[in-house]
């Protein structure tokens, strides 16, 4: 009986090793979605006034606590702002600046700005293929006072050739969402 068990184990081992092929020695690099706990969008007026900072911070990651979302002030109607976004993983110590990875891998990332009637947003940076990234942008506030939501979404591996994607339309972008934050803003 002991020999039967040993023979069965040897046969199972041989089948297992035979089924594993070593023909493909190419390593597959999996670029997973980034862990992002903090999104900060800074809008600096071109006329030199104080910056407006939109920030979302979720220090427990996927934990039970909701992110803390803050807006430092209201936008001025008709004013033009230079914008910049940073992404951090503050679960690491020191914090990991994901912004650098987004910039280096710009061809695999794009930031989308969804809003209705708050003004216009134009990309001010591009990847190695001349396609938008969105870490830097220009925002022109609407001439008419308005309150609404500004949704900032970081997409990983979007289809940058999709219809409207270069203009910031997320509908045909595909890919996966690394971060998405909704800010309630006011233009006065």
Protein backbone atom coordinates (compact mmCIF):
# COMPACT_ATOMS: atom_id res chain seq x y z
CA UNK A 1 0.00 0.00 0.00
CA UNK A 2 2.89 2.33 0.84
CA UNK A 3 4.47 1.73 -2.59
CA UNK A 4 1.12 2.49 -4.27
CA UNK A 5 0.92 5.86 -2.48
CA UNK A 6 4.50 6.71 -3.43
CA UNK A 7 3.89 5.68 -7.04
CA UNK A 8 0.70 7.74 -7.20
CA UNK A 9 2.53 10.76 -5.76
CA UNK A 10 5.40 10.35 -8.24
CA UNK A 11 2.93 10.09 -11.15
CA UNK A 12 1.05 13.20 -9.99
CA UNK A 13 4.33 15.11 -9.64
CA UNK A 14 5.47 14.06 -13.12
CA UNK A 15 2.16 15.14 -14.66
CA UNK A 16 2.30 18.48 -12.86
CA UNK A 17 5.83 19.26 -14.06
CA UNK A 18 5.08 18.00 -17.56
CA UNK A 19 2.08 20.31 -17.84
CA UNK A 20 4.18 23.36 -16.92
CA UNK A 21 5.81 24.64 -20.04
CA UNK A 22 9.02 26.63 -19.91
CA UNK A 23 8.80 27.52 -23.61
CA UNK A 24 7.87 31.11 -22.79
CA UNK A 25 10.68 32.73 -20.84
CA UNK A 26 9.32 36.23 -21.45
CA UNK A 27 8.38 38.06 -18.26
CA UNK A 28 5.00 39.75 -18.34
CA UNK A 29 5.02 43.06 -16.51
CA UNK A 30 1.68 43.84 -14.95
CA UNK A 31 1.16 47.54 -14.37
CA UNK A 32 -1.60 47.59 -11.80
CA UNK A 33 -3.68 50.61 -10.94
CA UNK A 34 -1.95 52.98 -8.58
CA UNK A 35 -2.95 53.35 -4.92
CA UNK A 36 -3.96 56.98 -4.54
CA UNK A 37 -5.09 58.41 -1.22
CA UNK A 38 -4.74 62.13 -1.93
CA UNK A 39 -5.73 64.21 -4.96
CA UNK A 40 -4.87 67.92 -4.94
CA UNK A 41 -5.86 70.31 -7.73
CA UNK A 42 -4.39 73.79 -7.44
CA UNK A 43 -5.89 76.62 -9.52
CA UNK A 44 -3.60 79.66 -9.60
CA UNK A 45 -5.11 82.84 -11.10
CA UNK A 46 -3.05 84.26 -13.94
CA UNK A 47 -3.48 87.74 -12.42
CA UNK A 48 -1.57 86.73 -9.28
CA UNK A 49 -4.44 86.42 -6.77
CA UNK A 50 -4.53 83.60 -4.20
CA UNK A 51 -4.80 80.04 -5.47
CA UNK A 52 -7.91 77.91 -5.04
CA UNK A 53 -7.06 74.40 -3.79
CA UNK A 54 -9.35 71.40 -4.22
CA UNK A 55 -8.25 68.41 -2.15
CA UNK A 56 -9.48 64.92 -1.42
CA UNK A 57 -7.69 62.88 1.23
CA UNK A 58 -8.57 59.28 2.14
CA UNK A 59 -5.94 58.19 4.64
CA UNK A 60 -7.52 54.81 5.36
CA UNK A 61 -7.51 53.84 1.66
CA UNK A 62 -10.32 51.36 1.10
CA UNK A 63 -11.21 51.52 4.81
CA UNK A 64 -14.57 52.49 6.25
CA UNK A 65 -13.96 56.25 6.48
CA UNK A 66 -15.06 58.51 3.66
CA UNK A 67 -12.47 60.80 2.06
CA UNK A 68 -12.17 64.33 3.41
CA UNK A 69 -12.96 66.64 0.47
CA UNK A 70 -12.18 70.36 0.76
CA UNK A 71 -12.36 73.43 -1.48
CA UNK A 72 -10.37 76.44 -0.22
CA UNK A 73 -12.51 79.13 -1.85
CA UNK A 74 -14.70 80.24 -4.71
CA UNK A 75 -13.67 80.92 -8.29
CA UNK A 76 -14.08 84.39 -9.77
CA UNK A 77 -16.31 84.63 -12.85
CA UNK A 78 -14.39 85.20 -16.07
CA UNK A 79 -11.00 84.68 -14.42
CA UNK A 80 -8.34 82.45 -16.02
CA UNK A 81 -6.46 79.97 -13.82
CA UNK A 82 -3.40 77.82 -14.41
CA UNK A 83 -4.06 74.40 -12.95
CA UNK A 84 -1.91 71.55 -11.66
CA UNK A 85 -2.85 68.22 -10.12
CA UNK A 86 -0.87 66.00 -7.77
CA UNK A 87 -1.58 62.41 -6.73
CA UNK A 88 -0.11 60.88 -3.57
CA UNK A 89 -0.18 57.53 -1.83
CA UNK A 90 0.03 58.57 1.81
CA UNK A 91 -0.35 54.99 3.03
CA UNK A 92 3.41 54.76 2.34
CA UNK A 93 5.85 56.53 4.64
CA UNK A 94 7.20 58.73 3.23
CA UNK A 95 4.30 59.41 0.89
CA UNK A 96 4.72 58.10 -2.65
CA UNK A 97 4.29 60.83 -5.28
CA UNK A 98 2.20 59.06 -7.94
CA UNK A 99 2.23 62.26 -10.02
CA UNK A 100 5.74 61.41 -11.21
CA UNK A 101 4.59 57.99 -12.46
CA UNK A 102 1.58 59.51 -14.21
CA UNK A 103 3.89 61.96 -15.98
CA UNK A 104 6.51 59.33 -16.90
CA UNK A 105 3.80 56.99 -18.17
CA UNK A 106 1.70 59.77 -19.70
CA UNK A 107 0.85 57.60 -22.72
CA UNK A 108 -0.95 55.27 -20.27
CA UNK A 109 -2.79 57.97 -18.30
CA UNK A 110 -5.21 60.82 -18.85
CA UNK A 111 -7.06 63.10 -16.48
CA UNK A 112 -10.64 64.06 -17.31
CA UNK A 113 -12.55 67.07 -16.01
CA UNK A 114 -16.31 66.66 -16.02
CA UNK A 115 -18.49 69.67 -15.27
CA UNK A 116 -21.48 71.47 -16.65
CA UNK A 117 -21.49 75.21 -17.18
CA UNK A 118 -18.64 76.08 -14.79
CA UNK A 119 -16.36 77.26 -17.61
CA UNK A 120 -13.80 75.66 -19.90
CA UNK A 121 -10.77 73.52 -19.18
CA UNK A 122 -7.94 73.05 -21.69
CA UNK A 123 -5.06 70.59 -21.43
CA UNK A 124 -1.61 72.18 -21.11
CA UNK A 125 0.59 69.06 -21.23
CA UNK A 126 1.02 66.07 -23.54
CA UNK A 127 2.54 62.59 -23.56
CA UNK A 128 5.30 61.31 -25.89
CA UNK A 129 2.67 60.88 -28.63
CA UNK A 130 1.34 64.43 -28.38
CA UNK A 131 -1.85 63.28 -26.60
CA UNK A 132 -3.15 65.08 -23.47
CA UNK A 133 -2.29 64.02 -19.93
CA UNK A 134 -3.98 66.69 -17.77
CA UNK A 135 -1.52 67.18 -14.91
CA UNK A 136 -1.33 70.79 -16.13
CA UNK A 137 -4.29 72.69 -17.55
CA UNK A 138 -5.94 76.07 -17.96
CA UNK A 139 -9.36 76.80 -16.47
CA UNK A 140 -11.45 79.79 -17.55
CA UNK A 141 -14.35 80.33 -15.15
CA UNK A 142 -17.78 81.02 -16.58
CA UNK A 143 -18.86 84.67 -16.81
CA UNK A 144 -22.10 83.84 -15.00
CA UNK A 145 -22.10 82.91 -11.29
CA UNK A 146 -22.86 79.22 -10.85
CA UNK A 147 -22.54 76.37 -8.36
CA UNK A 148 -21.90 72.82 -9.53
CA UNK A 149 -19.77 69.72 -9.43
CA UNK A 150 -16.32 69.37 -10.93
CA UNK A 151 -15.36 65.70 -11.24
CA UNK A 152 -11.68 64.93 -11.71
CA UNK A 153 -10.93 61.41 -12.96
CA UNK A 154 -7.54 59.79 -13.56
CA UNK A 155 -7.83 56.98 -16.10
CA UNK A 156 -5.23 54.26 -16.54
CA UNK A 157 -4.70 52.96 -20.08
CA UNK A 158 -7.46 55.00 -21.74
CA UNK A 159 -8.04 54.75 -25.48
CA UNK A 160 -6.49 58.10 -26.38
CA UNK A 161 -7.48 57.53 -30.01
CA UNK A 162 -11.17 57.28 -29.04
CA UNK A 163 -13.59 59.85 -30.41
CA UNK A 164 -13.46 63.04 -28.33
CA UNK A 165 -10.89 61.71 -25.84
CA UNK A 166 -8.25 64.27 -26.91
CA UNK A 167 -10.82 66.98 -26.09
CA UNK A 168 -11.38 65.53 -22.62
CA UNK A 169 -14.59 63.59 -23.27
CA UNK A 170 -14.46 60.53 -21.03
CA UNK A 171 -17.28 58.60 -22.74
CA UNK A 172 -15.07 56.74 -25.24
CA UNK A 173 -11.93 56.63 -23.10
CA UNK A 174 -12.26 53.14 -21.65
CA UNK A 175 -9.42 52.06 -19.38
CA UNK A 176 -9.71 51.78 -15.62
CA UNK A 177 -10.17 54.49 -13.03
CA UNK A 178 -7.19 55.11 -10.73
CA UNK A 179 -8.87 58.00 -8.89
CA UNK A 180 -12.11 59.95 -9.14
CA UNK A 181 -13.19 62.85 -6.94
CA UNK A 182 -16.27 65.07 -7.07
CA UNK A 183 -15.77 68.64 -5.83
CA UNK A 184 -18.67 71.00 -5.20
CA UNK A 185 -17.45 74.39 -6.45
CA UNK A 186 -18.83 77.89 -6.83
CA UNK A 187 -18.10 80.59 -9.40
CA UNK A 188 -18.98 84.08 -8.11
